[in-house]
C-alpha atoms as a PDB file:
ATOM      1  CA  MET A   1      -0.001  -0.003   0.001  1.00  0.00           C
ATOM      2  CA  ARG A   2       1.431   3.374  -0.966  1.00  0.00           C
ATOM      3  CA  GLY A   3       0.221   6.908  -0.315  1.00  0.00           C
ATOM      4  CA  GLU A   4       1.551   9.877  -2.298  1.00  0.00           C
ATOM      5  CA  TRP A   5       1.089  13.593  -1.795  1.00  0.00           C
ATOM      6  CA  GLN A   6       1.606  15.490  -5.038  1.00  0.00           C
ATOM      7  CA  LYS A   7       0.683  18.996  -3.823  1.00  0.00           C
ATOM      8  CA  PRO A   8       4.103  20.545  -3.145  1.00  0.00           C
ATOM      9  CA  ASP A   9       4.929  23.246  -0.645  1.00  0.00           C
ATOM     10  CA  ARG A  10       8.074  25.401  -0.814  1.00  0.00           C
ATOM     11  CA  THR A  11      10.386  22.758   0.640  1.00  0.00           C
ATOM     12  CA  PHE A  12       8.967  19.236   0.224  1.00  0.00           C
ATOM     13  CA  HIS A  13       7.819  17.647  -3.042  1.00  0.00           C
ATOM     14  CA  ASN A  14       6.727  14.105  -3.975  1.00  0.00           C
ATOM     15  CA  LEU A  15       6.157  12.949  -0.409  1.00  0.00           C
ATOM     16  CA  PHE A  16       5.248   9.257  -0.102  1.00  0.00           C
ATOM     17  CA  ILE A  17       4.751   6.575   2.519  1.00  0.00           C
ATOM     18  CA  GLU A  18       4.578   2.866   1.740  1.00  0.00           C
ATOM     19  CA  VAL A  19       3.875  -0.316   3.707  1.00  0.00           C
ATOM     20  CA  ASN A  20       4.399  -3.748   2.184  1.00  0.00           C
ATOM     21  CA  PHE A  21       3.671  -7.282   3.358  1.00  0.00           C
ATOM     22  CA  GLU A  22       4.937 -10.533   1.850  1.00  0.00           C
ATOM     23  CA  TYR A  23       4.049 -14.062   2.847  1.00  0.00           C
ATOM     24  CA  HIS A  24       6.245 -16.854   1.571  1.00  0.00           C
ATOM     25  CA  CYS A  25       4.431 -20.204   1.724  1.00  0.00           C
ATOM     26  CA  ALA A  26       6.014 -23.328   3.143  1.00  0.00           C
ATOM     27  CA  GLN A  27       7.898 -25.436   0.600  1.00  0.00           C
ATOM     28  CA  ASN A  28       7.248 -29.054   1.480  1.00  0.00           C
ATOM     29  CA  ASN A  29       7.174 -30.666  -1.965  1.00  0.00           C
ATOM     30  CA  VAL A  30      10.923 -31.185  -2.266  1.00  0.00           C
ATOM     31  CA  LEU A  31      13.325 -33.564  -3.986  1.00  0.00           C
ATOM     32  CA  ARG A  32      14.682 -35.645  -1.104  1.00  0.00           C
ATOM     33  CA  GLU A  33      16.882 -37.875  -3.270  1.00  0.00           C
ATOM     34  CA  ASN A  34      20.551 -37.619  -2.202  1.00  0.00           C
ATOM     35  CA  ASN A  35      19.631 -34.851   0.298  1.00  0.00           C
ATOM     36  CA  THR A  36      19.571 -32.282  -2.514  1.00  0.00           C
ATOM     37  CA  GLU A  37      16.707 -30.240  -1.066  1.00  0.00           C
ATOM     38  CA  THR A  38      15.087 -29.726   2.338  1.00  0.00           C
ATOM     39  CA  PRO A  39      11.635 -28.435   3.335  1.00  0.00           C
ATOM     40  CA  THR A  40      11.361 -24.761   4.292  1.00  0.00           C
ATOM     41  CA  PRO A  41       8.672 -23.365   6.629  1.00  0.00           C
ATOM     42  CA  GLY A  42       6.534 -20.395   5.558  1.00  0.00           C
ATOM     43  CA  TYR A  43       7.269 -16.893   6.844  1.00  0.00           C
ATOM     44  CA  PRO A  44       5.812 -13.349   6.723  1.00  0.00           C
ATOM     45  CA  LEU A  45       7.850 -10.212   6.032  1.00  0.00           C
ATOM     46  CA  LEU A  46       6.774  -6.652   6.771  1.00  0.00           C
ATOM     47  CA  GLY A  47       8.446  -3.548   5.359  1.00  0.00           C
ATOM     48  CA  ALA A  48       7.887   0.198   5.200  1.00  0.00           C
ATOM     49  CA  SER A  49       9.391   3.212   3.474  1.00  0.00           C
ATOM     50  CA  LEU A  50       8.929   6.945   3.211  1.00  0.00           C
ATOM     51  CA  GLY A  51      10.578   9.617   1.140  1.00  0.00           C
ATOM     52  CA  PHE A  52      10.464  13.090  -0.359  1.00  0.00           C
ATOM     53  CA  ASP A  53      12.365  15.536  -2.537  1.00  0.00           C
ATOM     54  CA  LEU A  54      13.851  18.509  -0.710  1.00  0.00           C
ATOM     55  CA  PHE A  55      13.953  21.838  -2.548  1.00  0.00           C
ATOM     56  CA  ALA A  56      15.797  25.067  -1.706  1.00  0.00           C
ATOM     57  CA  LYS A  57      13.785  28.262  -2.053  1.00  0.00           C
ATOM     58  CA  GLY A  58      11.070  26.283  -3.843  1.00  0.00           C
ATOM     59  CA  LYS A  59      13.073  26.024  -7.058  1.00  0.00           C
ATOM     60  CA  THR A  60      16.285  23.999  -6.808  1.00  0.00           C
ATOM     61  CA  LYS A  61      16.141  20.296  -5.990  1.00  0.00           C
ATOM     62  CA  MET A  62      18.779  19.654  -3.349  1.00  0.00           C
ATOM     63  CA  LEU A  63      18.150  16.144  -2.110  1.00  0.00           C
ATOM     64  CA  THR A  64      15.980  13.071  -2.551  1.00  0.00           C
ATOM     65  CA  PHE A  65      15.472  11.341   0.783  1.00  0.00           C
ATOM     66  CA  VAL A  66      14.234   7.735   1.061  1.00  0.00           C
ATOM     67  CA  PHE A  67      14.144   5.807   4.321  1.00  0.00           C
ATOM     68  CA  ALA A  68      13.290   2.104   4.039  1.00  0.00           C
ATOM     69  CA  ALA A  69      13.066  -0.701   6.570  1.00  0.00           C
ATOM     70  CA  GLN A  70      12.688  -4.366   5.713  1.00  0.00           C
ATOM     71  CA  ASN A  71      11.771  -7.267   7.977  1.00  0.00           C
ATOM     72  CA  ILE A  72      10.470  -4.877  10.625  1.00  0.00           C
ATOM     73  CA  LEU A  73       9.213  -7.717  12.834  1.00  0.00           C
ATOM     74  CA  ASP A  74      12.742  -9.243  12.856  1.00  0.00           C
ATOM     75  CA  LYS A  75      11.526 -12.624  11.611  1.00  0.00           C
ATOM     76  CA  ALA A  76      14.304 -15.200  11.235  1.00  0.00           C
ATOM     77  CA  TYR A  77      13.891 -17.025   7.926  1.00  0.00           C
ATOM     78  CA  GLN A  78      15.747 -18.905   5.222  1.00  0.00           C
ATOM     79  CA  ASP A  79      14.841 -18.473   1.585  1.00  0.00           C
ATOM     80  CA  HIS A  80      13.990 -21.848   0.054  1.00  0.00           C
ATOM     81  CA  LEU A  81      16.397 -21.399  -2.863  1.00  0.00           C
ATOM     82  CA  SER A  82      19.312 -20.146  -0.739  1.00  0.00           C
ATOM     83  CA  ARG A  83      22.359 -22.411  -0.724  1.00  0.00           C
ATOM     84  CA  LEU A  84      23.390 -20.892   2.633  1.00  0.00           C
ATOM     85  CA  LYS A  85      20.787 -22.961   4.474  1.00  0.00           C
ATOM     86  CA  TYR A  86      22.983 -26.007   3.899  1.00  0.00           C
ATOM     87  CA  ALA A  87      26.030 -24.419   5.541  1.00  0.00           C
ATOM     88  CA  PRO A  88      26.908 -25.391   9.102  1.00  0.00           C
ATOM     89  CA  VAL A  89      25.631 -23.025  11.788  1.00  0.00           C
END
């Protein structure tokens, strides 16, 4: 979900705020022959971002600011296709 404010004032332009949610389903249909693949549990991920363009004296663009956070709930997960999940802990 993303909200944008297009009406600029003297300093801030293109202000936006965004919240995103992903759910990765469990992967249980795996190839178990020769231990080439292992099941992976499902997991949710929550992220958010906000940003704006900063102008000087209403005319000159000085800076584009974007702040983003991913995995806000600090959920430990392993991507099913990651080869790192086979490495020793």
